[in-house]
Amino acid sequence: MTELNGEPAGIRELTALAMTNYGHFTTMRVEDGRVRGLSLHLDRLVRDCGVLFGTAPDRDRIRELARRAVTDATEPRTVRVTVYDPDLGLERPGAEARPGILVTTRPAASPSLPPLSVRTAPHRRDLPEVKHVGLFGLLRLRRLAQLDGYDDVLLTDDRGAVSEGATWNVGFFDGHRLLWPEAGCLPGVTRELLRRGHAGPQHTEPIGRDRFGELEAAFALNAGVGVRAIRSIDGVEFDPGHPVLDVLREEYAATDAEPL
């Protein structure tokens, strides 16, 4: 399903998104009409729309359009809400914007995916705090990593400190507490839910590549799959069956899902 403002999206509208590529989005996993962290997803859309367009979408309208997309769903679905203006062109991106709401759906990924093997690469997304549609740099680095036999890429900043994965947040466990990278990265919904719901100690600090060997577990986080183990980074092995991963999955599963 692909609808713009509640109507089937046409070739002109979709071509504008592909050619201009200026907008932002959020991706939600919908199960039984409910979404973990729905309020945070809506907060993101409002915040990012203010940054990119200087206006705010209607939260209730977003929910209405997303709800329409999964009315007949009997299995979990991934719903992506993209905010962009199909009339905003390359020549005058400074024109007055009237962003619309594009809703697309696809079958949700399995929540039980195999552990990841990743490598690091120096890269900083434009406006890392915004979940924008400019994915070229990330997909190129992911492609290169996969061509070299890895599953994905983990980004580092100009200090060599870990920031985020290509399309996921990252966290670590040092045997006593959760560690979150202190670096420019997307404030992910799944990460925020775990930060709020985790019962044990946690800390945010710079995490350089030279520290990988002293850490017991690493994990990727996003709304599509929740918590996914990382088995290696740059050849440094982590325990993909570490008990803390089950604790995090249980804490995430216990998060109240809000009705869409």
C-alpha atoms as a PDB file:
ATOM      1  CA  MET A   1       0.000   0.000   0.000  1.00  0.00           C
ATOM      2  CA  THR A   2       1.266   3.441  -0.949  1.00  0.00           C
ATOM      3  CA  GLU A   3      -0.906   6.450  -0.168  1.00  0.00           C
ATOM      4  CA  LEU A   4      -0.180  10.179  -0.059  1.00  0.00           C
ATOM      5  CA  ASN A   5      -2.546  12.119   2.184  1.00  0.00           C
ATOM      6  CA  GLY A   6      -4.982   9.222   2.107  1.00  0.00           C
ATOM      7  CA  GLU A   7      -5.091   8.848  -1.687  1.00  0.00           C
ATOM      8  CA  PRO A   8      -3.155   6.453  -3.945  1.00  0.00           C
ATOM      9  CA  ALA A   9       0.213   8.033  -4.676  1.00  0.00           C
ATOM     10  CA  GLY A  10       0.732   8.741  -8.361  1.00  0.00           C
ATOM     11  CA  ILE A  11       3.829   8.575 -10.535  1.00  0.00           C
ATOM     12  CA  ARG A  12       4.370  12.354 -10.321  1.00  0.00           C
ATOM     13  CA  GLU A  13       4.335  12.388  -6.532  1.00  0.00           C
ATOM     14  CA  LEU A  14       6.627   9.375  -6.176  1.00  0.00           C
ATOM     15  CA  THR A  15       8.999  10.663  -8.848  1.00  0.00           C
ATOM     16  CA  ALA A  16       9.337  13.908  -6.907  1.00  0.00           C
ATOM     17  CA  LEU A  17      10.445  11.999  -3.818  1.00  0.00           C
ATOM     18  CA  ALA A  18      12.959   9.979  -5.823  1.00  0.00           C
ATOM     19  CA  MET A  19      14.364  12.942  -7.738  1.00  0.00           C
ATOM     20  CA  THR A  20      14.427  15.620  -5.038  1.00  0.00           C
ATOM     21  CA  ASN A  21      14.957  13.305  -2.063  1.00  0.00           C
ATOM     22  CA  TYR A  22      14.167  15.920   0.585  1.00  0.00           C
ATOM     23  CA  GLY A  23      12.063  14.739   3.488  1.00  0.00           C
ATOM     24  CA  HIS A  24      12.035  12.667   6.647  1.00  0.00           C
ATOM     25  CA  PHE A  25      10.346   9.536   7.940  1.00  0.00           C
ATOM     26  CA  THR A  26       9.769   7.098  10.738  1.00  0.00           C
ATOM     27  CA  THR A  27       9.277   3.342  10.574  1.00  0.00           C
ATOM     28  CA  MET A  28       6.976   1.478  12.953  1.00  0.00           C
ATOM     29  CA  ARG A  29       6.242  -2.176  13.591  1.00  0.00           C
ATOM     30  CA  VAL A  30       2.484  -2.618  13.933  1.00  0.00           C
ATOM     31  CA  GLU A  31       1.105  -5.714  15.641  1.00  0.00           C
ATOM     32  CA  ASP A  32      -2.594  -6.126  16.377  1.00  0.00           C
ATOM     33  CA  GLY A  33      -3.088  -2.443  15.675  1.00  0.00           C
ATOM     34  CA  ARG A  34      -0.579  -1.355  18.317  1.00  0.00           C
ATOM     35  CA  VAL A  35       2.912   0.204  18.199  1.00  0.00           C
ATOM     36  CA  ARG A  36       5.648   0.257  20.829  1.00  0.00           C
ATOM     37  CA  GLY A  37       6.813   3.824  21.278  1.00  0.00           C
ATOM     38  CA  LEU A  38       4.079   5.329  19.112  1.00  0.00           C
ATOM     39  CA  SER A  39       4.234   8.650  20.960  1.00  0.00           C
ATOM     40  CA  LEU A  40       7.985   8.814  20.341  1.00  0.00           C
ATOM     41  CA  HIS A  41       7.481   8.119  16.636  1.00  0.00           C
ATOM     42  CA  LEU A  42       4.958  10.957  16.450  1.00  0.00           C
ATOM     43  CA  ASP A  43       7.267  13.242  18.427  1.00  0.00           C
ATOM     44  CA  ARG A  44      10.010  12.491  15.889  1.00  0.00           C
ATOM     45  CA  LEU A  45       7.810  13.347  12.918  1.00  0.00           C
ATOM     46  CA  VAL A  46       6.757  16.647  14.471  1.00  0.00           C
ATOM     47  CA  ARG A  47      10.316  17.547  15.528  1.00  0.00           C
ATOM     48  CA  ASP A  48      11.927  16.632  12.205  1.00  0.00           C
ATOM     49  CA  CYS A  49       9.238  18.402  10.197  1.00  0.00           C
ATOM     50  CA  GLY A  50      10.035  21.568  12.117  1.00  0.00           C
ATOM     51  CA  VAL A  51      13.717  21.196  11.268  1.00  0.00           C
ATOM     52  CA  LEU A  52      13.248  20.488   7.555  1.00  0.00           C
ATOM     53  CA  PHE A  53      10.096  22.433   6.708  1.00  0.00           C
ATOM     54  CA  GLY A  54       9.460  24.881   9.533  1.00  0.00           C
ATOM     55  CA  THR A  55       6.004  23.476  10.168  1.00  0.00           C
ATOM     56  CA  ALA A  56       4.365  20.623  12.071  1.00  0.00           C
ATOM     57  CA  PRO A  57       2.161  17.789  10.800  1.00  0.00           C
ATOM     58  CA  ASP A  58      -1.060  16.899  12.560  1.00  0.00           C
ATOM     59  CA  ARG A  59      -0.415  13.967  14.908  1.00  0.00           C
ATOM     60  CA  ASP A  60      -3.996  12.705  14.764  1.00  0.00           C
ATOM     61  CA  ARG A  61      -3.962  12.826  10.960  1.00  0.00           C
ATOM     62  CA  ILE A  62      -0.765  10.763  10.889  1.00  0.00           C
ATOM     63  CA  ARG A  63      -2.358   8.144  13.122  1.00  0.00           C
ATOM     64  CA  GLU A  64      -5.481   8.073  10.997  1.00  0.00           C
ATOM     65  CA  LEU A  65      -3.546   7.534   7.772  1.00  0.00           C
ATOM     66  CA  ALA A  66      -1.264   4.888   9.297  1.00  0.00           C
ATOM     67  CA  ARG A  67      -4.245   3.097  10.807  1.00  0.00           C
ATOM     68  CA  ARG A  68      -5.947   2.945   7.401  1.00  0.00           C
ATOM     69  CA  ALA A  69      -2.906   1.196   5.998  1.00  0.00           C
ATOM     70  CA  VAL A  70      -3.164  -1.762   8.397  1.00  0.00           C
ATOM     71  CA  THR A  71      -6.923  -2.061   8.800  1.00  0.00           C
ATOM     72  CA  ASP A  72      -7.061  -5.507   7.197  1.00  0.00           C
ATOM     73  CA  ALA A  73      -3.653  -6.740   8.380  1.00  0.00           C
ATOM     74  CA  THR A  74      -3.648 -10.148  10.057  1.00  0.00           C
ATOM     75  CA  GLU A  75       0.133 -10.354  10.481  1.00  0.00           C
ATOM     76  CA  PRO A  76       2.664  -7.816  11.807  1.00  0.00           C
ATOM     77  CA  ARG A  77       3.369  -5.029   9.328  1.00  0.00           C
ATOM     78  CA  THR A  78       6.087  -2.430   8.963  1.00  0.00           C
ATOM     79  CA  VAL A  79       4.573   0.982   8.356  1.00  0.00           C
ATOM     80  CA  ARG A  80       6.757   3.804   7.086  1.00  0.00           C
ATOM     81  CA  VAL A  81       5.458   7.361   7.325  1.00  0.00           C
ATOM     82  CA  THR A  82       7.384   9.760   5.086  1.00  0.00           C
ATOM     83  CA  VAL A  83       6.843  13.512   5.218  1.00  0.00           C
ATOM     84  CA  TYR A  84       7.787  15.456   2.078  1.00  0.00           C
ATOM     85  CA  ASP A  85       6.439  18.048  -0.354  1.00  0.00           C
ATOM     86  CA  PRO A  86       5.994  16.649  -3.890  1.00  0.00           C
ATOM     87  CA  ASP A  87       5.894  20.202  -5.260  1.00  0.00           C
ATOM     88  CA  LEU A  88       9.242  21.214  -3.784  1.00  0.00           C
ATOM     89  CA  GLY A  89      11.849  21.085  -6.539  1.00  0.00           C
ATOM     90  CA  LEU A  90      15.615  21.126  -6.928  1.00  0.00           C
ATOM     91  CA  GLU A  91      15.658  24.698  -8.227  1.00  0.00           C
ATOM     92  CA  ARG A  92      13.750  26.329  -5.346  1.00  0.00           C
ATOM     93  CA  PRO A  93      13.883  24.207  -2.208  1.00  0.00           C
ATOM     94  CA  GLY A  94      13.423  27.474  -0.298  1.00  0.00           C
ATOM     95  CA  ALA A  95       9.885  27.894  -1.616  1.00  0.00           C
ATOM     96  CA  GLU A  96       7.011  27.686   0.832  1.00  0.00           C
ATOM     97  CA  ALA A  97       6.556  24.030   1.696  1.00  0.00           C
ATOM     98  CA  ARG A  98       3.320  22.116   2.150  1.00  0.00           C
ATOM     99  CA  PRO A  99       4.571  18.702   3.231  1.00  0.00           C
ATOM    100  CA  GLY A 100       2.306  15.720   2.714  1.00  0.00           C
ATOM    101  CA  ILE A 101       2.147  12.365   4.478  1.00  0.00           C
ATOM    102  CA  LEU A 102       3.145   9.293   2.485  1.00  0.00           C
ATOM    103  CA  VAL A 103       2.291   5.935   4.077  1.00  0.00           C
ATOM    104  CA  THR A 104       3.779   2.690   2.799  1.00  0.00           C
ATOM    105  CA  THR A 105       3.602  -0.808   4.251  1.00  0.00           C
ATOM    106  CA  ARG A 106       5.411  -4.112   3.941  1.00  0.00           C
ATOM    107  CA  PRO A 107       5.484  -7.394   5.876  1.00  0.00           C
ATOM    108  CA  ALA A 108       7.361  -7.031   9.159  1.00  0.00           C
ATOM    109  CA  ALA A 109      10.737  -8.730   9.527  1.00  0.00           C
ATOM    110  CA  SER A 110      11.122 -11.690  11.836  1.00  0.00           C
ATOM    111  CA  PRO A 111      12.025 -10.546  15.364  1.00  0.00           C
ATOM    112  CA  SER A 112      14.461 -13.481  15.572  1.00  0.00           C
ATOM    113  CA  LEU A 113      17.250 -12.701  13.125  1.00  0.00           C
ATOM    114  CA  PRO A 114      20.784 -14.149  13.260  1.00  0.00           C
ATOM    115  CA  PRO A 115      23.569 -12.161  14.946  1.00  0.00           C
ATOM    116  CA  LEU A 116      25.345  -9.543  12.878  1.00  0.00           C
ATOM    117  CA  SER A 117      28.952  -9.394  11.768  1.00  0.00           C
ATOM    118  CA  VAL A 118      29.830  -5.764  11.081  1.00  0.00           C
ATOM    119  CA  ARG A 119      32.797  -3.564  10.332  1.00  0.00           C
ATOM    120  CA  THR A 120      33.412   0.047  11.194  1.00  0.00           C
ATOM    121  CA  ALA A 121      33.682   2.902   8.731  1.00  0.00           C
ATOM    122  CA  PRO A 122      34.241   6.628   9.295  1.00  0.00           C
ATOM    123  CA  HIS A 123      31.075   8.473   8.320  1.00  0.00           C
ATOM    124  CA  ARG A 124      28.711  11.073   9.734  1.00  0.00           C
ATOM    125  CA  ARG A 125      25.195  11.425   8.435  1.00  0.00           C
ATOM    126  CA  ASP A 126      23.961  14.894   7.510  1.00  0.00           C
ATOM    127  CA  LEU A 127      21.881  16.089  10.471  1.00  0.00           C
ATOM    128  CA  PRO A 128      22.351  12.846  12.410  1.00  0.00           C
ATOM    129  CA  GLU A 129      19.571  13.831  14.828  1.00  0.00           C
ATOM    130  CA  VAL A 130      17.023  13.761  11.965  1.00  0.00           C
ATOM    131  CA  LYS A 131      15.691  10.567  10.377  1.00  0.00           C
ATOM    132  CA  HIS A 132      15.834  11.961   6.849  1.00  0.00           C
ATOM    133  CA  VAL A 133      15.525  10.245   3.488  1.00  0.00           C
ATOM    134  CA  GLY A 134      19.131  10.876   2.410  1.00  0.00           C
ATOM    135  CA  LEU A 135      20.395   7.295   2.608  1.00  0.00           C
ATOM    136  CA  PHE A 136      22.973   7.146  -0.192  1.00  0.00           C
ATOM    137  CA  GLY A 137      26.079   7.267   1.996  1.00  0.00           C
ATOM    138  CA  LEU A 138      24.719   4.634   4.367  1.00  0.00           C
ATOM    139  CA  LEU A 139      23.632   2.238   1.644  1.00  0.00           C
ATOM    140  CA  ARG A 140      26.953   2.582  -0.176  1.00  0.00           C
ATOM    141  CA  LEU A 141      28.877   1.704   3.008  1.00  0.00           C
ATOM    142  CA  ARG A 142      26.486  -1.176   3.741  1.00  0.00           C
ATOM    143  CA  ARG A 143      26.918  -2.466   0.190  1.00  0.00           C
ATOM    144  CA  LEU A 144      30.717  -2.296   0.382  1.00  0.00           C
ATOM    145  CA  ALA A 145      30.687  -4.102   3.743  1.00  0.00           C
ATOM    146  CA  GLN A 146      28.456  -6.855   2.373  1.00  0.00           C
ATOM    147  CA  LEU A 147      30.622  -7.242  -0.720  1.00  0.00           C
ATOM    148  CA  ASP A 148      33.531  -7.884   1.673  1.00  0.00           C
ATOM    149  CA  GLY A 149      31.594 -10.546   3.574  1.00  0.00           C
ATOM    150  CA  TYR A 150      30.104  -8.549   6.458  1.00  0.00           C
ATOM    151  CA  ASP A 151      26.428  -8.099   7.231  1.00  0.00           C
ATOM    152  CA  ASP A 152      26.451  -4.362   7.838  1.00  0.00           C
ATOM    153  CA  VAL A 153      28.446  -1.286   8.777  1.00  0.00           C
ATOM    154  CA  LEU A 154      28.943   0.541  12.078  1.00  0.00           C
ATOM    155  CA  LEU A 155      29.776   4.232  11.781  1.00  0.00           C
ATOM    156  CA  THR A 156      32.550   6.056  13.651  1.00  0.00           C
ATOM    157  CA  ASP A 157      33.074   9.779  14.055  1.00  0.00           C
ATOM    158  CA  ASP A 158      36.172  11.896  13.503  1.00  0.00           C
ATOM    159  CA  ARG A 159      37.525  10.799  16.909  1.00  0.00           C
ATOM    160  CA  GLY A 160      37.207   7.134  15.957  1.00  0.00           C
ATOM    161  CA  ALA A 161      34.345   6.713  18.415  1.00  0.00           C
ATOM    162  CA  VAL A 162      31.326   4.575  17.559  1.00  0.00           C
ATOM    163  CA  SER A 163      28.144   6.485  16.712  1.00  0.00           C
ATOM    164  CA  GLU A 164      25.447   4.318  15.069  1.00  0.00           C
ATOM    165  CA  GLY A 165      24.790   1.574  12.559  1.00  0.00           C
ATOM    166  CA  ALA A 166      23.602   2.171   9.019  1.00  0.00           C
ATOM    167  CA  THR A 167      19.932   2.008  10.028  1.00  0.00           C
ATOM    168  CA  TRP A 168      20.125   1.103  13.707  1.00  0.00           C
ATOM    169  CA  ASN A 169      21.407   2.250  17.055  1.00  0.00           C
ATOM    170  CA  VAL A 170      24.086   0.303  18.866  1.00  0.00           C
ATOM    171  CA  GLY A 171      24.651  -0.538  22.510  1.00  0.00           C
ATOM    172  CA  PHE A 172      27.192  -2.534  24.529  1.00  0.00           C
ATOM    173  CA  PHE A 173      27.451  -4.386  27.832  1.00  0.00           C
ATOM    174  CA  ASP A 174      30.700  -4.298  29.788  1.00  0.00           C
ATOM    175  CA  GLY A 175      29.751  -6.971  32.316  1.00  0.00           C
ATOM    176  CA  HIS A 176      28.201  -4.521  34.775  1.00  0.00           C
ATOM    177  CA  ARG A 177      26.235  -1.922  32.848  1.00  0.00           C
ATOM    178  CA  LEU A 178      24.864  -0.957  29.463  1.00  0.00           C
ATOM    179  CA  LEU A 179      26.980   1.492  27.502  1.00  0.00           C
ATOM    180  CA  TRP A 180      25.568   3.909  24.942  1.00  0.00           C
ATOM    181  CA  PRO A 181      27.816   5.813  22.516  1.00  0.00           C
ATOM    182  CA  GLU A 182      28.394   9.482  23.213  1.00  0.00           C
ATOM    183  CA  ALA A 183      28.402  10.652  19.612  1.00  0.00           C
ATOM    184  CA  GLY A 184      26.176  12.281  17.031  1.00  0.00           C
ATOM    185  CA  CYS A 185      23.500   9.751  16.138  1.00  0.00           C
ATOM    186  CA  LEU A 186      19.787   9.301  15.635  1.00  0.00           C
ATOM    187  CA  PRO A 187      17.820   9.331  18.910  1.00  0.00           C
ATOM    188  CA  GLY A 188      16.204   5.996  18.140  1.00  0.00           C
ATOM    189  CA  VAL A 189      12.802   5.016  19.504  1.00  0.00           C
ATOM    190  CA  THR A 190      13.830   1.489  20.481  1.00  0.00           C
ATOM    191  CA  ARG A 191      16.964   2.784  22.187  1.00  0.00           C
ATOM    192  CA  GLU A 192      14.936   5.313  24.154  1.00  0.00           C
ATOM    193  CA  LEU A 193      12.410   2.684  25.259  1.00  0.00           C
ATOM    194  CA  LEU A 194      15.220   0.493  26.570  1.00  0.00           C
ATOM    195  CA  ARG A 195      16.964   3.407  28.270  1.00  0.00           C
ATOM    196  CA  ARG A 196      13.730   4.066  30.130  1.00  0.00           C
ATOM    197  CA  GLY A 197      12.850   0.443  30.814  1.00  0.00           C
ATOM    198  CA  HIS A 198      16.175  -1.195  31.658  1.00  0.00           C
ATOM    199  CA  ALA A 199      16.415  -2.117  35.343  1.00  0.00           C
ATOM    200  CA  GLY A 200      20.200  -2.206  35.533  1.00  0.00           C
ATOM    201  CA  PRO A 201      22.894   0.511  35.437  1.00  0.00           C
ATOM    202  CA  GLN A 202      23.719   2.258  32.191  1.00  0.00           C
ATOM    203  CA  HIS A 203      26.016   5.023  31.036  1.00  0.00           C
ATOM    204  CA  THR A 204      26.660   7.179  27.978  1.00  0.00           C
ATOM    205  CA  GLU A 205      30.305   7.691  27.046  1.00  0.00           C
ATOM    206  CA  PRO A 206      32.690   7.695  24.069  1.00  0.00           C
ATOM    207  CA  ILE A 207      33.353   4.140  22.868  1.00  0.00           C
ATOM    208  CA  GLY A 208      36.403   3.783  20.655  1.00  0.00           C
ATOM    209  CA  ARG A 209      37.404   0.764  18.602  1.00  0.00           C
ATOM    210  CA  ASP A 210      40.235   0.072  21.041  1.00  0.00           C
ATOM    211  CA  ARG A 211      37.659  -0.806  23.710  1.00  0.00           C
ATOM    212  CA  PHE A 212      35.878  -3.583  21.829  1.00  0.00           C
ATOM    213  CA  GLY A 213      38.027  -6.278  23.429  1.00  0.00           C
ATOM    214  CA  GLU A 214      36.939  -5.343  26.958  1.00  0.00           C
ATOM    215  CA  LEU A 215      33.193  -5.490  26.222  1.00  0.00           C
ATOM    216  CA  GLU A 216      31.119  -8.657  26.655  1.00  0.00           C
ATOM    217  CA  ALA A 217      28.115  -8.050  24.393  1.00  0.00           C
ATOM    218  CA  ALA A 218      27.039  -5.757  21.576  1.00  0.00           C
ATOM    219  CA  PHE A 219      23.602  -5.292  20.082  1.00  0.00           C
ATOM    220  CA  ALA A 220      21.744  -3.438  17.356  1.00  0.00           C
ATOM    221  CA  LEU A 221      18.409  -1.744  17.966  1.00  0.00           C
ATOM    222  CA  ASN A 222      15.611  -0.604  15.699  1.00  0.00           C
ATOM    223  CA  ALA A 223      11.832  -0.632  15.614  1.00  0.00           C
ATOM    224  CA  GLY A 224      11.696  -3.381  12.990  1.00  0.00           C
ATOM    225  CA  VAL A 225      13.373  -6.153  14.982  1.00  0.00           C
ATOM    226  CA  GLY A 226      13.867  -4.787  18.497  1.00  0.00           C
ATOM    227  CA  VAL A 227      17.126  -6.156  19.942  1.00  0.00           C
ATOM    228  CA  ARG A 228      19.535  -8.011  17.626  1.00  0.00           C
ATOM    229  CA  ALA A 229      22.839  -9.497  18.751  1.00  0.00           C
ATOM    230  CA  ILE A 230      26.124  -8.454  17.157  1.00  0.00           C
ATOM    231  CA  ARG A 231      28.617 -11.320  17.045  1.00  0.00           C
ATOM    232  CA  SER A 232      31.635  -9.410  15.782  1.00  0.00           C
ATOM    233  CA  ILE A 233      32.902  -5.916  14.976  1.00  0.00           C
ATOM    234  CA  ASP A 234      36.079  -5.606  12.905  1.00  0.00           C
ATOM    235  CA  GLY A 235      36.814  -9.247  13.754  1.00  0.00           C
ATOM    236  CA  VAL A 236      36.483  -8.743  17.528  1.00  0.00           C
ATOM    237  CA  GLU A 237      34.075 -11.375  18.822  1.00  0.00           C
ATOM    238  CA  PHE A 238      31.163 -10.810  21.205  1.00  0.00           C
ATOM    239  CA  ASP A 239      28.951 -13.398  22.855  1.00  0.00           C
ATOM    240  CA  PRO A 240      25.722 -13.528  20.769  1.00  0.00           C
ATOM    241  CA  GLY A 241      24.093 -15.630  23.482  1.00  0.00           C
ATOM    242  CA  HIS A 242      24.970 -13.385  26.408  1.00  0.00           C
ATOM    243  CA  PRO A 243      22.212 -13.412  29.077  1.00  0.00           C
ATOM    244  CA  VAL A 244      21.924  -9.626  28.993  1.00  0.00           C
ATOM    245  CA  LEU A 245      20.496  -9.860  25.474  1.00  0.00           C
ATOM    246  CA  ASP A 246      17.573 -11.940  26.707  1.00  0.00           C
ATOM    247  CA  VAL A 247      17.037  -9.446  29.514  1.00  0.00           C
ATOM    248  CA  LEU A 248      16.886  -6.598  26.996  1.00  0.00           C
ATOM    249  CA  ARG A 249      14.506  -8.494  24.733  1.00  0.00           C
ATOM    250  CA  GLU A 250      12.223  -9.208  27.665  1.00  0.00           C
ATOM    251  CA  GLU A 251      12.318  -5.577  28.781  1.00  0.00           C
ATOM    252  CA  TYR A 252      11.523  -4.415  25.264  1.00  0.00           C
ATOM    253  CA  ALA A 253       8.681  -6.919  24.918  1.00  0.00           C
ATOM    254  CA  ALA A 254       7.261  -5.673  28.223  1.00  0.00           C
ATOM    255  CA  THR A 255       7.008  -2.121  26.876  1.00  0.00           C
ATOM    256  CA  ASP A 256       3.377  -1.092  26.540  1.00  0.00           C
ATOM    257  CA  ALA A 257       2.298  -0.880  22.912  1.00  0.00           C
ATOM    258  CA  GLU A 258       0.035   2.078  22.170  1.00  0.00           C
ATOM    259  CA  PRO A 259      -3.056   1.727  19.969  1.00  0.00           C
ATOM    260  CA  LEU A 260      -2.520   3.221  16.545  1.00  0.00           C
END
